[in-house]
Amino acid sequence: MKKEFVVGPVTEEKIWKITDCNSKKIIGTYKLQKEAFEQARKKAKENPDGGEISLQARNGKIRLKHSYGKENDPRNIKG
């Protein structure tokens, strides 16, 4: 199953968390957004079915999304 992760802020503590959207559990907290994103990317790439990362801004809106895995490779799309 494809994993989905959200990297988002914990405002009151000024840290960043990674949430596994499938289990709704926080799987890590980090001081820097960059650290949290790198760990989420690692977990998405390790998953055999791929993964998707959503990066939240401090205001809660999704800033950007990244997908990883074989089915997301544009070289596999005919056209």
N, C-alpha and C. Protein backbone atom coordinates (compact mmCIF):
# COMPACT_ATOMS: atom_id res chain seq x y z
N MET A 1 0.84 -1.18 0.00
CA MET A 1 0.00 0.00 0.00
C MET A 1 0.89 1.24 0.00
N LYS A 2 0.51 2.20 -0.81
CA LYS A 2 1.24 3.46 -0.89
C LYS A 2 1.09 4.22 0.43
N LYS A 3 2.19 4.71 0.95
CA LYS A 3 2.17 5.46 2.21
C LYS A 3 2.00 6.94 1.93
N GLU A 4 1.28 7.63 2.80
CA GLU A 4 1.12 9.07 2.70
C GLU A 4 1.59 9.70 4.00
N PHE A 5 2.45 10.72 3.87
CA PHE A 5 2.99 11.41 5.02
C PHE A 5 2.71 12.90 4.90
N VAL A 6 2.48 13.55 6.05
CA VAL A 6 2.35 15.00 6.09
C VAL A 6 3.44 15.54 7.00
N VAL A 7 4.21 16.48 6.50
CA VAL A 7 5.19 17.19 7.31
C VAL A 7 4.54 18.51 7.67
N GLY A 8 4.30 18.72 8.96
CA GLY A 8 3.61 19.93 9.39
C GLY A 8 4.14 20.47 10.71
N PRO A 9 3.79 21.71 10.99
CA PRO A 9 4.29 22.36 12.21
C PRO A 9 3.52 21.96 13.46
N VAL A 10 4.22 22.00 14.58
CA VAL A 10 3.59 21.94 15.90
C VAL A 10 3.83 23.33 16.48
N THR A 11 2.88 24.22 16.27
CA THR A 11 3.06 25.65 16.51
C THR A 11 3.49 25.99 17.93
N GLU A 12 2.82 25.42 18.90
CA GLU A 12 3.12 25.78 20.29
C GLU A 12 4.52 25.36 20.73
N GLU A 13 5.11 24.40 20.05
CA GLU A 13 6.45 23.92 20.42
C GLU A 13 7.52 24.34 19.43
N LYS A 14 7.13 24.96 18.32
CA LYS A 14 8.06 25.41 17.27
C LYS A 14 8.93 24.27 16.75
N ILE A 15 8.28 23.12 16.52
CA ILE A 15 8.95 21.97 15.92
C ILE A 15 8.12 21.49 14.74
N TRP A 16 8.66 20.53 13.99
CA TRP A 16 7.98 19.96 12.84
C TRP A 16 7.75 18.49 13.09
N LYS A 17 6.60 17.98 12.65
CA LYS A 17 6.26 16.57 12.86
C LYS A 17 5.99 15.90 11.53
N ILE A 18 6.17 14.58 11.52
CA ILE A 18 5.77 13.75 10.38
C ILE A 18 4.60 12.91 10.86
N THR A 19 3.50 12.99 10.13
CA THR A 19 2.32 12.20 10.44
C THR A 19 2.10 11.18 9.33
N ASP A 20 1.90 9.92 9.71
CA ASP A 20 1.54 8.86 8.77
C ASP A 20 0.02 8.94 8.59
N CYS A 21 -0.41 9.32 7.40
CA CYS A 21 -1.84 9.52 7.15
C CYS A 21 -2.64 8.22 7.21
N ASN A 22 -1.98 7.09 6.94
CA ASN A 22 -2.69 5.81 6.97
C ASN A 22 -3.05 5.41 8.40
N SER A 23 -2.12 5.61 9.33
CA SER A 23 -2.37 5.21 10.73
C SER A 23 -2.74 6.40 11.61
N LYS A 24 -2.60 7.62 11.10
CA LYS A 24 -2.89 8.85 11.84
C LYS A 24 -1.97 9.05 13.04
N LYS A 25 -0.79 8.42 13.00
CA LYS A 25 0.17 8.54 14.10
C LYS A 25 1.31 9.47 13.73
N ILE A 26 1.81 10.18 14.73
CA ILE A 26 3.01 10.99 14.55
C ILE A 26 4.20 10.03 14.62
N ILE A 27 5.01 10.03 13.58
CA ILE A 27 6.13 9.09 13.54
C ILE A 27 7.47 9.75 13.77
N GLY A 28 7.48 11.05 14.01
CA GLY A 28 8.73 11.73 14.30
C GLY A 28 8.53 13.22 14.48
N THR A 29 9.40 13.84 15.31
CA THR A 29 9.40 15.29 15.48
C THR A 29 10.83 15.79 15.30
N TYR A 30 10.94 16.98 14.71
CA TYR A 30 12.26 17.52 14.34
C TYR A 30 12.28 19.03 14.58
N LYS A 31 13.45 19.56 14.85
CA LYS A 31 13.60 21.00 15.07
C LYS A 31 13.43 21.80 13.78
N LEU A 32 13.89 21.22 12.67
CA LEU A 32 13.85 21.93 11.40
C LEU A 32 12.93 21.24 10.41
N GLN A 33 12.25 22.05 9.59
CA GLN A 33 11.38 21.53 8.55
C GLN A 33 12.17 20.66 7.58
N LYS A 34 13.37 21.09 7.24
CA LYS A 34 14.22 20.35 6.30
C LYS A 34 14.50 18.94 6.82
N GLU A 35 14.80 18.81 8.12
CA GLU A 35 15.07 17.50 8.71
C GLU A 35 13.84 16.60 8.61
N ALA A 36 12.68 17.17 8.93
CA ALA A 36 11.44 16.39 8.88
C ALA A 36 11.15 15.94 7.45
N PHE A 37 11.33 16.85 6.49
CA PHE A 37 11.07 16.51 5.09
C PHE A 37 12.01 15.41 4.61
N GLU A 38 13.30 15.49 4.96
CA GLU A 38 14.26 14.47 4.53
C GLU A 38 13.90 13.10 5.10
N GLN A 39 13.46 13.05 6.34
CA GLN A 39 13.08 11.76 6.94
C GLN A 39 11.81 11.22 6.30
N ALA A 40 10.86 12.10 6.02
CA ALA A 40 9.63 11.66 5.35
C ALA A 40 9.95 11.13 3.95
N ARG A 41 10.86 11.80 3.25
CA ARG A 41 11.27 11.35 1.91
C ARG A 41 11.91 9.97 1.99
N LYS A 42 12.76 9.77 2.99
CA LYS A 42 13.42 8.47 3.17
C LYS A 42 12.38 7.36 3.38
N LYS A 43 11.39 7.63 4.23
CA LYS A 43 10.36 6.64 4.50
C LYS A 43 9.51 6.36 3.26
N ALA A 44 9.19 7.40 2.49
CA ALA A 44 8.40 7.22 1.28
C ALA A 44 9.16 6.39 0.25
N LYS A 45 10.47 6.64 0.12
CA LYS A 45 11.28 5.89 -0.84
C LYS A 45 11.51 4.45 -0.41
N GLU A 46 11.54 4.19 0.90
CA GLU A 46 11.75 2.83 1.41
C GLU A 46 10.53 1.94 1.20
N ASN A 47 9.36 2.54 1.12
CA ASN A 47 8.13 1.77 0.96
C ASN A 47 8.08 1.15 -0.44
N PRO A 48 7.90 -0.17 -0.56
CA PRO A 48 7.91 -0.81 -1.88
C PRO A 48 6.84 -0.28 -2.83
N ASP A 49 5.73 0.19 -2.31
CA ASP A 49 4.65 0.71 -3.15
C ASP A 49 4.73 2.21 -3.36
N GLY A 50 5.78 2.82 -2.87
CA GLY A 50 5.95 4.27 -3.04
C GLY A 50 5.28 5.05 -1.93
N GLY A 51 5.31 6.36 -2.08
CA GLY A 51 4.72 7.21 -1.05
C GLY A 51 4.53 8.62 -1.54
N GLU A 52 3.78 9.37 -0.78
CA GLU A 52 3.52 10.76 -1.10
C GLU A 52 3.74 11.61 0.14
N ILE A 53 4.36 12.77 -0.05
CA ILE A 53 4.61 13.69 1.06
C ILE A 53 3.90 15.00 0.77
N SER A 54 3.16 15.48 1.76
CA SER A 54 2.56 16.81 1.69
C SER A 54 3.28 17.68 2.70
N LEU A 55 3.72 18.85 2.27
CA LEU A 55 4.44 19.77 3.13
C LEU A 55 3.53 20.93 3.50
N GLN A 56 3.22 21.05 4.79
CA GLN A 56 2.33 22.10 5.28
C GLN A 56 3.12 23.33 5.69
N ALA A 57 2.57 24.50 5.41
CA ALA A 57 3.13 25.75 5.91
C ALA A 57 2.65 25.94 7.35
N ARG A 58 3.19 26.92 8.02
CA ARG A 58 2.78 27.19 9.41
C ARG A 58 1.31 27.58 9.51
N ASN A 59 0.73 28.10 8.42
CA ASN A 59 -0.69 28.47 8.44
C ASN A 59 -1.60 27.27 8.19
N GLY A 60 -1.02 26.08 7.98
CA GLY A 60 -1.80 24.86 7.81
C GLY A 60 -2.10 24.49 6.37
N LYS A 61 -1.83 25.37 5.43
CA LYS A 61 -2.10 25.08 4.02
C LYS A 61 -0.97 24.24 3.44
N ILE A 62 -1.33 23.36 2.51
CA ILE A 62 -0.34 22.52 1.83
C ILE A 62 0.45 23.39 0.86
N ARG A 63 1.77 23.43 1.04
CA ARG A 63 2.65 24.23 0.18
C ARG A 63 3.09 23.46 -1.05
N LEU A 64 3.38 22.18 -0.84
CA LEU A 64 3.85 21.39 -1.96
C LEU A 64 3.68 19.91 -1.67
N LYS A 65 3.65 19.11 -2.75
CA LYS A 65 3.52 17.66 -2.63
C LYS A 65 4.59 17.00 -3.49
N HIS A 66 5.08 15.87 -2.99
CA HIS A 66 6.04 15.06 -3.74
C HIS A 66 5.56 13.62 -3.71
N SER A 67 5.68 12.94 -4.84
CA SER A 67 5.34 11.53 -4.92
C SER A 67 6.58 10.73 -5.27
N TYR A 68 6.69 9.54 -4.69
CA TYR A 68 7.82 8.65 -4.92
C TYR A 68 7.29 7.26 -5.21
N GLY A 69 7.93 6.57 -6.12
CA GLY A 69 7.55 5.20 -6.44
C GLY A 69 7.48 4.99 -7.93
N LYS A 70 7.41 3.73 -8.33
CA LYS A 70 7.46 3.37 -9.74
C LYS A 70 6.27 3.91 -10.53
N GLU A 71 5.07 3.88 -9.96
CA GLU A 71 3.90 4.33 -10.71
C GLU A 71 3.89 5.85 -10.91
N ASN A 72 4.75 6.56 -10.19
CA ASN A 72 4.81 8.01 -10.32
C ASN A 72 5.91 8.48 -11.27
N ASP A 73 6.62 7.55 -11.88
CA ASP A 73 7.71 7.89 -12.78
C ASP A 73 7.14 8.32 -14.14
N PRO A 74 7.36 9.56 -14.55
CA PRO A 74 6.79 10.04 -15.81
C PRO A 74 7.34 9.31 -17.03
N ARG A 75 8.47 8.63 -16.90
CA ARG A 75 9.02 7.87 -18.02
C ARG A 75 8.16 6.68 -18.35
N ASN A 76 7.28 6.25 -17.43
CA ASN A 76 6.39 5.10 -17.67
C ASN A 76 5.08 5.49 -18.34
N ILE A 77 4.86 6.78 -18.54
CA ILE A 77 3.60 7.25 -19.12
C ILE A 77 3.77 7.38 -20.62
N LYS A 78 2.88 6.74 -21.38
CA LYS A 78 2.95 6.82 -22.83
C LYS A 78 2.44 8.18 -23.28
N GLY A 79 3.03 8.68 -24.36
CA GLY A 79 2.52 9.92 -24.90
C GLY A 79 3.51 10.84 -25.38
